[in-house]
PDB file of all heavy atoms in Angstrom:
ATOM      1  N   LEU A   1       0.810  -1.220   0.000  1.00  0.00           N
ATOM      2  CA  LEU A   1       0.000   0.000   0.000  1.00  0.00           C
ATOM      3  C   LEU A   1       0.844   1.271   0.000  1.00  0.00           C
ATOM      4  O   LEU A   1       0.449   2.284  -0.578  1.00  0.00           O
ATOM      5  CB  LEU A   1      -0.943   0.012   1.209  1.00  0.00           C
ATOM      6  CG  LEU A   1      -2.072  -1.024   1.171  1.00  0.00           C
ATOM      7  CD1 LEU A   1      -2.720  -1.155   2.540  1.00  0.00           C
ATOM      8  CD2 LEU A   1      -3.102  -0.646   0.115  1.00  0.00           C
ATOM      9  N   ASN A   2       2.018   1.214   0.675  1.00  0.00           N
ATOM     10  CA  ASN A   2       2.789   2.458   0.777  1.00  0.00           C
ATOM     11  C   ASN A   2       4.004   2.499  -0.145  1.00  0.00           C
ATOM     12  O   ASN A   2       4.776   3.457  -0.120  1.00  0.00           O
ATOM     13  CB  ASN A   2       3.230   2.711   2.225  1.00  0.00           C
ATOM     14  CG  ASN A   2       4.163   1.642   2.764  1.00  0.00           C
ATOM     15  OD1 ASN A   2       4.943   1.068   2.020  1.00  0.00           O
ATOM     16  ND2 ASN A   2       4.089   1.386   4.067  1.00  0.00           N
ATOM     17  N   GLY A   3       4.173   1.447  -0.967  1.00  0.00           N
ATOM     18  CA  GLY A   3       5.252   1.464  -1.952  1.00  0.00           C
ATOM     19  C   GLY A   3       6.603   1.066  -1.406  1.00  0.00           C
ATOM     20  O   GLY A   3       7.622   1.250  -2.082  1.00  0.00           O
ATOM     21  N   GLY A   4       6.661   0.533  -0.184  1.00  0.00           N
ATOM     22  CA  GLY A   4       7.930   0.143   0.406  1.00  0.00           C
ATOM     23  C   GLY A   4       8.221  -1.329   0.198  1.00  0.00           C
ATOM     24  O   GLY A   4       7.384  -2.103  -0.256  1.00  0.00           O
ATOM     25  N   GLY A   5       9.430  -1.732   0.583  1.00  0.00           N
ATOM     26  CA  GLY A   5       9.791  -3.148   0.561  1.00  0.00           C
ATOM     27  C   GLY A   5       9.943  -3.712  -0.846  1.00  0.00           C
ATOM     28  O   GLY A   5       9.670  -3.055  -1.848  1.00  0.00           O
ATOM     29  N   ARG A   6      10.397  -4.959  -0.899  1.00  0.00           N
ATOM     30  CA  ARG A   6      10.571  -5.643  -2.183  1.00  0.00           C
ATOM     31  C   ARG A   6       9.347  -6.511  -2.441  1.00  0.00           C
ATOM     32  O   ARG A   6       9.340  -7.715  -2.134  1.00  0.00           O
ATOM     33  CB  ARG A   6      11.840  -6.483  -2.162  1.00  0.00           C
ATOM     34  CG  ARG A   6      13.107  -5.644  -2.017  1.00  0.00           C
ATOM     35  CD  ARG A   6      14.337  -6.522  -2.032  1.00  0.00           C
ATOM     36  NE  ARG A   6      15.556  -5.729  -1.957  1.00  0.00           N
ATOM     37  CZ  ARG A   6      16.792  -6.243  -1.938  1.00  0.00           C
ATOM     38  NH1 ARG A   6      16.953  -7.570  -2.000  1.00  0.00           N
ATOM     39  NH2 ARG A   6      17.848  -5.461  -1.851  1.00  0.00           N
ATOM     40  N   ILE A   7       8.329  -5.903  -2.994  1.00  0.00           N
ATOM     41  CA  ILE A   7       7.059  -6.582  -3.248  1.00  0.00           C
ATOM     42  C   ILE A   7       6.883  -6.705  -4.760  1.00  0.00           C
ATOM     43  O   ILE A   7       7.049  -5.723  -5.495  1.00  0.00           O
ATOM     44  CB  ILE A   7       5.869  -5.805  -2.640  1.00  0.00           C
ATOM     45  CG1 ILE A   7       6.107  -5.541  -1.156  1.00  0.00           C
ATOM     46  CG2 ILE A   7       4.564  -6.549  -2.865  1.00  0.00           C
ATOM     47  CD1 ILE A   7       6.205  -6.779  -0.289  1.00  0.00           C
ATOM     48  N   SER A   8       6.536  -7.879  -5.230  1.00  0.00           N
ATOM     49  CA  SER A   8       6.312  -8.046  -6.663  1.00  0.00           C
ATOM     50  C   SER A   8       5.072  -7.264  -7.087  1.00  0.00           C
ATOM     51  O   SER A   8       4.170  -7.012  -6.286  1.00  0.00           O
ATOM     52  CB  SER A   8       6.122  -9.525  -7.000  1.00  0.00           C
ATOM     53  OG  SER A   8       4.874 -10.000  -6.503  1.00  0.00           O
ATOM     54  N   GLU A   9       5.052  -6.894  -8.356  1.00  0.00           N
ATOM     55  CA  GLU A   9       3.910  -6.131  -8.866  1.00  0.00           C
ATOM     56  C   GLU A   9       2.635  -6.965  -8.788  1.00  0.00           C
ATOM     57  O   GLU A   9       1.547  -6.435  -8.537  1.00  0.00           O
ATOM     58  CB  GLU A   9       4.170  -5.695 -10.308  1.00  0.00           C
ATOM     59  CG  GLU A   9       3.080  -4.813 -10.901  1.00  0.00           C
ATOM     60  CD  GLU A   9       2.877  -3.521 -10.111  1.00  0.00           C
ATOM     61  OE1 GLU A   9       3.833  -3.050  -9.463  1.00  0.00           O
ATOM     62  OE2 GLU A   9       1.729  -2.991 -10.132  1.00  0.00           O
ATOM     63  N   GLN A  10       2.743  -8.264  -8.979  1.00  0.00           N
ATOM     64  CA  GLN A  10       1.572  -9.141  -8.895  1.00  0.00           C
ATOM     65  C   GLN A  10       0.982  -9.127  -7.476  1.00  0.00           C
ATOM     66  O   GLN A  10      -0.235  -9.015  -7.297  1.00  0.00           O
ATOM     67  CB  GLN A  10       1.963 -10.572  -9.279  1.00  0.00           C
ATOM     68  CG  GLN A  10       0.787 -11.550  -9.247  1.00  0.00           C
ATOM     69  CD  GLN A  10       1.213 -12.962  -9.651  1.00  0.00           C
ATOM     70  OE1 GLN A  10       2.392 -13.228  -9.898  1.00  0.00           O
ATOM     71  NE2 GLN A  10       0.263 -13.871  -9.714  1.00  0.00           N
ATOM     72  N   THR A  11       1.854  -9.199  -6.466  1.00  0.00           N
ATOM     73  CA  THR A  11       1.377  -9.165  -5.078  1.00  0.00           C
ATOM     74  C   THR A  11       0.795  -7.785  -4.741  1.00  0.00           C
ATOM     75  O   THR A  11      -0.233  -7.679  -4.077  1.00  0.00           O
ATOM     76  CB  THR A  11       2.537  -9.488  -4.110  1.00  0.00           C
ATOM     77  OG1 THR A  11       3.024 -10.790  -4.386  1.00  0.00           O
ATOM     78  CG2 THR A  11       2.081  -9.414  -2.666  1.00  0.00           C
ATOM     79  N   ARG A  12       1.487  -6.744  -5.213  1.00  0.00           N
ATOM     80  CA  ARG A  12       1.001  -5.388  -4.951  1.00  0.00           C
ATOM     81  C   ARG A  12      -0.407  -5.193  -5.501  1.00  0.00           C
ATOM     82  O   ARG A  12      -1.296  -4.661  -4.831  1.00  0.00           O
ATOM     83  CB  ARG A  12       1.951  -4.358  -5.563  1.00  0.00           C
ATOM     84  CG  ARG A  12       1.664  -2.913  -5.132  1.00  0.00           C
ATOM     85  CD  ARG A  12       2.568  -1.917  -5.860  1.00  0.00           C
ATOM     86  NE  ARG A  12       3.976  -2.311  -5.801  1.00  0.00           N
ATOM     87  CZ  ARG A  12       4.765  -2.076  -4.760  1.00  0.00           C
ATOM     88  NH1 ARG A  12       4.288  -1.452  -3.687  1.00  0.00           N
ATOM     89  NH2 ARG A  12       6.032  -2.459  -4.786  1.00  0.00           N
ATOM     90  N   GLN A  13      -0.649  -5.629  -6.727  1.00  0.00           N
ATOM     91  CA  GLN A  13      -1.968  -5.485  -7.329  1.00  0.00           C
ATOM     92  C   GLN A  13      -3.011  -6.314  -6.586  1.00  0.00           C
ATOM     93  O   GLN A  13      -4.166  -5.898  -6.423  1.00  0.00           O
ATOM     94  CB  GLN A  13      -1.925  -5.899  -8.804  1.00  0.00           C
ATOM     95  CG  GLN A  13      -1.162  -4.926  -9.690  1.00  0.00           C
ATOM     96  CD  GLN A  13      -1.720  -3.521  -9.623  1.00  0.00           C
ATOM     97  OE1 GLN A  13      -2.948  -3.326  -9.610  1.00  0.00           O
ATOM     98  NE2 GLN A  13      -0.832  -2.529  -9.555  1.00  0.00           N
ATOM     99  N   LYS A  14      -2.615  -7.477  -6.100  1.00  0.00           N
ATOM    100  CA  LYS A  14      -3.510  -8.332  -5.324  1.00  0.00           C
ATOM    101  C   LYS A  14      -3.962  -7.616  -4.053  1.00  0.00           C
ATOM    102  O   LYS A  14      -5.147  -7.628  -3.685  1.00  0.00           O
ATOM    103  CB  LYS A  14      -2.783  -9.626  -4.979  1.00  0.00           C
ATOM    104  CG  LYS A  14      -3.624 -10.672  -4.258  1.00  0.00           C
ATOM    105  CD  LYS A  14      -2.780 -11.919  -4.017  1.00  0.00           C
ATOM    106  CE  LYS A  14      -3.593 -12.988  -3.291  1.00  0.00           C
ATOM    107  NZ  LYS A  14      -2.773 -14.197  -3.014  1.00  0.00           N
ATOM    108  N   VAL A  15      -3.012  -6.947  -3.396  1.00  0.00           N
ATOM    109  CA  VAL A  15      -3.334  -6.205  -2.166  1.00  0.00           C
ATOM    110  C   VAL A  15      -4.192  -4.985  -2.484  1.00  0.00           C
ATOM    111  O   VAL A  15      -5.170  -4.698  -1.785  1.00  0.00           O
ATOM    112  CB  VAL A  15      -2.040  -5.789  -1.434  1.00  0.00           C
ATOM    113  CG1 VAL A  15      -2.365  -4.854  -0.262  1.00  0.00           C
ATOM    114  CG2 VAL A  15      -1.292  -7.023  -0.934  1.00  0.00           C
ATOM    115  N   LEU A  16      -3.850  -4.272  -3.518  1.00  0.00           N
ATOM    116  CA  LEU A  16      -4.620  -3.084  -3.884  1.00  0.00           C
ATOM    117  C   LEU A  16      -6.060  -3.446  -4.233  1.00  0.00           C
ATOM    118  O   LEU A  16      -6.999  -2.730  -3.888  1.00  0.00           O
ATOM    119  CB  LEU A  16      -3.950  -2.359  -5.060  1.00  0.00           C
ATOM    120  CG  LEU A  16      -2.594  -1.701  -4.764  1.00  0.00           C
ATOM    121  CD1 LEU A  16      -1.997  -1.123  -6.047  1.00  0.00           C
ATOM    122  CD2 LEU A  16      -2.722  -0.616  -3.710  1.00  0.00           C
ATOM    123  N   GLN A  17      -6.247  -4.531  -4.939  1.00  0.00           N
ATOM    124  CA  GLN A  17      -7.606  -4.980  -5.280  1.00  0.00           C
ATOM    125  C   GLN A  17      -8.383  -5.378  -4.031  1.00  0.00           C
ATOM    126  O   GLN A  17      -9.573  -5.101  -3.903  1.00  0.00           O
ATOM    127  CB  GLN A  17      -7.532  -6.134  -6.269  1.00  0.00           C
ATOM    128  CG  GLN A  17      -7.044  -5.730  -7.655  1.00  0.00           C
ATOM    129  CD  GLN A  17      -6.683  -6.904  -8.523  1.00  0.00           C
ATOM    130  OE1 GLN A  17      -7.008  -8.058  -8.201  1.00  0.00           O
ATOM    131  NE2 GLN A  17      -5.990  -6.640  -9.638  1.00  0.00           N
ATOM    132  N   ALA A  18      -7.698  -6.035  -3.080  1.00  0.00           N
ATOM    133  CA  ALA A  18      -8.349  -6.393  -1.816  1.00  0.00           C
ATOM    134  C   ALA A  18      -8.735  -5.142  -1.035  1.00  0.00           C
ATOM    135  O   ALA A  18      -9.823  -5.067  -0.444  1.00  0.00           O
ATOM    136  CB  ALA A  18      -7.417  -7.280  -0.987  1.00  0.00           C
ATOM    137  N   ALA A  19      -7.847  -4.154  -1.035  1.00  0.00           N
ATOM    138  CA  ALA A  19      -8.135  -2.898  -0.325  1.00  0.00           C
ATOM    139  C   ALA A  19      -9.361  -2.216  -0.915  1.00  0.00           C
ATOM    140  O   ALA A  19     -10.204  -1.665  -0.192  1.00  0.00           O
ATOM    141  CB  ALA A  19      -6.920  -1.971  -0.405  1.00  0.00           C
ATOM    142  N   GLU A  20      -9.466  -2.258  -2.236  1.00  0.00           N
ATOM    143  CA  GLU A  20     -10.628  -1.650  -2.896  1.00  0.00           C
ATOM    144  C   GLU A  20     -11.915  -2.392  -2.541  1.00  0.00           C
ATOM    145  O   GLU A  20     -12.954  -1.784  -2.306  1.00  0.00           O
ATOM    146  CB  GLU A  20     -10.412  -1.633  -4.404  1.00  0.00           C
ATOM    147  CG  GLU A  20     -11.515  -0.905  -5.162  1.00  0.00           C
ATOM    148  CD  GLU A  20     -11.228  -0.819  -6.648  1.00  0.00           C
ATOM    149  OE1 GLU A  20     -10.131  -1.228  -7.074  1.00  0.00           O
ATOM    150  OE2 GLU A  20     -12.115  -0.339  -7.383  1.00  0.00           O
ATOM    151  N   ARG A  21     -11.839  -3.725  -2.473  1.00  0.00           N
ATOM    152  CA  ARG A  21     -13.029  -4.512  -2.143  1.00  0.00           C
ATOM    153  C   ARG A  21     -13.554  -4.210  -0.738  1.00  0.00           C
ATOM    154  O   ARG A  21     -14.753  -4.119  -0.520  1.00  0.00           O
ATOM    155  CB  ARG A  21     -12.715  -6.018  -2.257  1.00  0.00           C
ATOM    156  CG  ARG A  21     -12.607  -6.528  -3.662  1.00  0.00           C
ATOM    157  CD  ARG A  21     -12.704  -8.050  -3.704  1.00  0.00           C
ATOM    158  NE  ARG A  21     -11.667  -8.714  -2.925  1.00  0.00           N
ATOM    159  CZ  ARG A  21     -10.456  -9.025  -3.384  1.00  0.00           C
ATOM    160  NH1 ARG A  21     -10.128  -8.705  -4.631  1.00  0.00           N
ATOM    161  NH2 ARG A  21      -9.592  -9.639  -2.606  1.00  0.00           N
ATOM    162  N   VAL A  22     -12.640  -4.038   0.210  1.00  0.00           N
ATOM    163  CA  VAL A  22     -13.075  -3.821   1.600  1.00  0.00           C
ATOM    164  C   VAL A  22     -13.227  -2.338   1.933  1.00  0.00           C
ATOM    165  O   VAL A  22     -13.603  -1.982   3.048  1.00  0.00           O
ATOM    166  CB  VAL A  22     -12.099  -4.482   2.599  1.00  0.00           C
ATOM    167  CG1 VAL A  22     -12.008  -5.973   2.347  1.00  0.00           C
ATOM    168  CG2 VAL A  22     -10.714  -3.840   2.541  1.00  0.00           C
ATOM    169  N   GLY A  23     -12.930  -1.460   0.964  1.00  0.00           N
ATOM    170  CA  GLY A  23     -13.086  -0.030   1.204  1.00  0.00           C
ATOM    171  C   GLY A  23     -12.039   0.541   2.142  1.00  0.00           C
ATOM    172  O   GLY A  23     -12.307   1.466   2.918  1.00  0.00           O
ATOM    173  N   TYR A  24     -10.807   0.032   2.064  1.00  0.00           N
ATOM    174  CA  TYR A  24      -9.750   0.488   2.968  1.00  0.00           C
ATOM    175  C   TYR A  24      -9.306   1.901   2.615  1.00  0.00           C
ATOM    176  O   TYR A  24      -9.066   2.224   1.447  1.00  0.00           O
ATOM    177  CB  TYR A  24      -8.541  -0.450   2.890  1.00  0.00           C
ATOM    178  CG  TYR A  24      -7.335   0.087   3.629  1.00  0.00           C
ATOM    179  CD1 TYR A  24      -7.281   0.047   5.016  1.00  0.00           C
ATOM    180  CD2 TYR A  24      -6.268   0.651   2.943  1.00  0.00           C
ATOM    181  CE1 TYR A  24      -6.192   0.554   5.701  1.00  0.00           C
ATOM    182  CE2 TYR A  24      -5.172   1.158   3.613  1.00  0.00           C
ATOM    183  CZ  TYR A  24      -5.138   1.113   4.992  1.00  0.00           C
ATOM    184  OH  TYR A  24      -4.072   1.629   5.666  1.00  0.00           O
ATOM    185  N   ILE A  25      -9.184   2.758   3.640  1.00  0.00           N
ATOM    186  CA  ILE A  25      -8.651   4.109   3.495  1.00  0.00           C
ATOM    187  C   ILE A  25      -7.510   4.267   4.490  1.00  0.00           C
ATOM    188  O   ILE A  25      -7.696   4.026   5.685  1.00  0.00           O
ATOM    189  CB  ILE A  25      -9.732   5.175   3.778  1.00  0.00           C
ATOM    190  CG1 ILE A  25     -10.881   5.041   2.766  1.00  0.00           C
ATOM    191  CG2 ILE A  25      -9.140   6.577   3.704  1.00  0.00           C
ATOM    192  CD1 ILE A  25     -12.050   5.945   3.070  1.00  0.00           C
ATOM    193  N   PRO A  26      -6.314   4.644   4.044  1.00  0.00           N
ATOM    194  CA  PRO A  26      -5.184   4.758   4.970  1.00  0.00           C
ATOM    195  C   PRO A  26      -5.403   5.848   6.006  1.00  0.00           C
ATOM    196  O   PRO A  26      -6.046   6.859   5.738  1.00  0.00           O
ATOM    197  CB  PRO A  26      -3.992   5.088   4.053  1.00  0.00           C
ATOM    198  CG  PRO A  26      -4.600   5.645   2.816  1.00  0.00           C
ATOM    199  CD  PRO A  26      -5.917   4.972   2.653  1.00  0.00           C
ATOM    200  N   SER A  27      -4.868   5.652   7.193  1.00  0.00           N
ATOM    201  CA  SER A  27      -4.956   6.624   8.287  1.00  0.00           C
ATOM    202  C   SER A  27      -3.807   7.612   8.170  1.00  0.00           C
ATOM    203  O   SER A  27      -2.637   7.243   8.298  1.00  0.00           O
ATOM    204  CB  SER A  27      -4.900   5.916   9.639  1.00  0.00           C
ATOM    205  OG  SER A  27      -4.706   6.856  10.674  1.00  0.00           O
ATOM    206  N   VAL A  28      -4.150   8.887   7.914  1.00  0.00           N
ATOM    207  CA  VAL A  28      -3.119   9.910   7.793  1.00  0.00           C
ATOM    208  C   VAL A  28      -2.376  10.086   9.104  1.00  0.00           C
ATOM    209  O   VAL A  28      -1.151  10.219   9.153  1.00  0.00           O
ATOM    210  CB  VAL A  28      -3.746  11.246   7.343  1.00  0.00           C
ATOM    211  CG1 VAL A  28      -2.687  12.331   7.283  1.00  0.00           C
ATOM    212  CG2 VAL A  28      -4.402  11.083   5.981  1.00  0.00           C
ATOM    213  N   SER A  29      -3.113  10.088  10.230  1.00  0.00           N
ATOM    214  CA  SER A  29      -2.475  10.285  11.529  1.00  0.00           C
ATOM    215  C   SER A  29      -1.540   9.124  11.864  1.00  0.00           C
ATOM    216  O   SER A  29      -0.459   9.312  12.423  1.00  0.00           O
ATOM    217  CB  SER A  29      -3.529  10.435  12.620  1.00  0.00           C
ATOM    218  OG  SER A  29      -4.383   9.314  12.662  1.00  0.00           O
ATOM    219  N   ALA A  30      -1.947   7.888  11.515  1.00  0.00           N
ATOM    220  CA  ALA A  30      -1.081   6.735  11.768  1.00  0.00           C
ATOM    221  C   ALA A  30       0.204   6.827  10.955  1.00  0.00           C
ATOM    222  O   ALA A  30       1.292   6.512  11.447  1.00  0.00           O
ATOM    223  CB  ALA A  30      -1.824   5.444  11.441  1.00  0.00           C
ATOM    224  N   ARG A  31       0.094   7.278   9.726  1.00  0.00           N
ATOM    225  CA  ARG A  31       1.292   7.446   8.904  1.00  0.00           C
ATOM    226  C   ARG A  31       2.217   8.487   9.514  1.00  0.00           C
ATOM    227  O   ARG A  31       3.438   8.356   9.484  1.00  0.00           O
ATOM    228  CB  ARG A  31       0.902   7.849   7.476  1.00  0.00           C
ATOM    229  CG  ARG A  31       0.330   6.692   6.663  1.00  0.00           C
ATOM    230  CD  ARG A  31       0.051   7.092   5.234  1.00  0.00           C
ATOM    231  NE  ARG A  31      -0.215   5.913   4.418  1.00  0.00           N
ATOM    232  CZ  ARG A  31      -0.431   5.950   3.108  1.00  0.00           C
ATOM    233  NH1 ARG A  31      -0.431   7.108   2.478  1.00  0.00           N
ATOM    234  NH2 ARG A  31      -0.661   4.840   2.427  1.00  0.00           N
TER     235      ARG A  31
END
């Protein structure tokens, strides 16, 4: 989600699609 680490593009897209399905919004204060 935040573009860090050595994550494959396939895994990144899998996570992004999951985030969209569950309506995830990052916490600005937590960041």
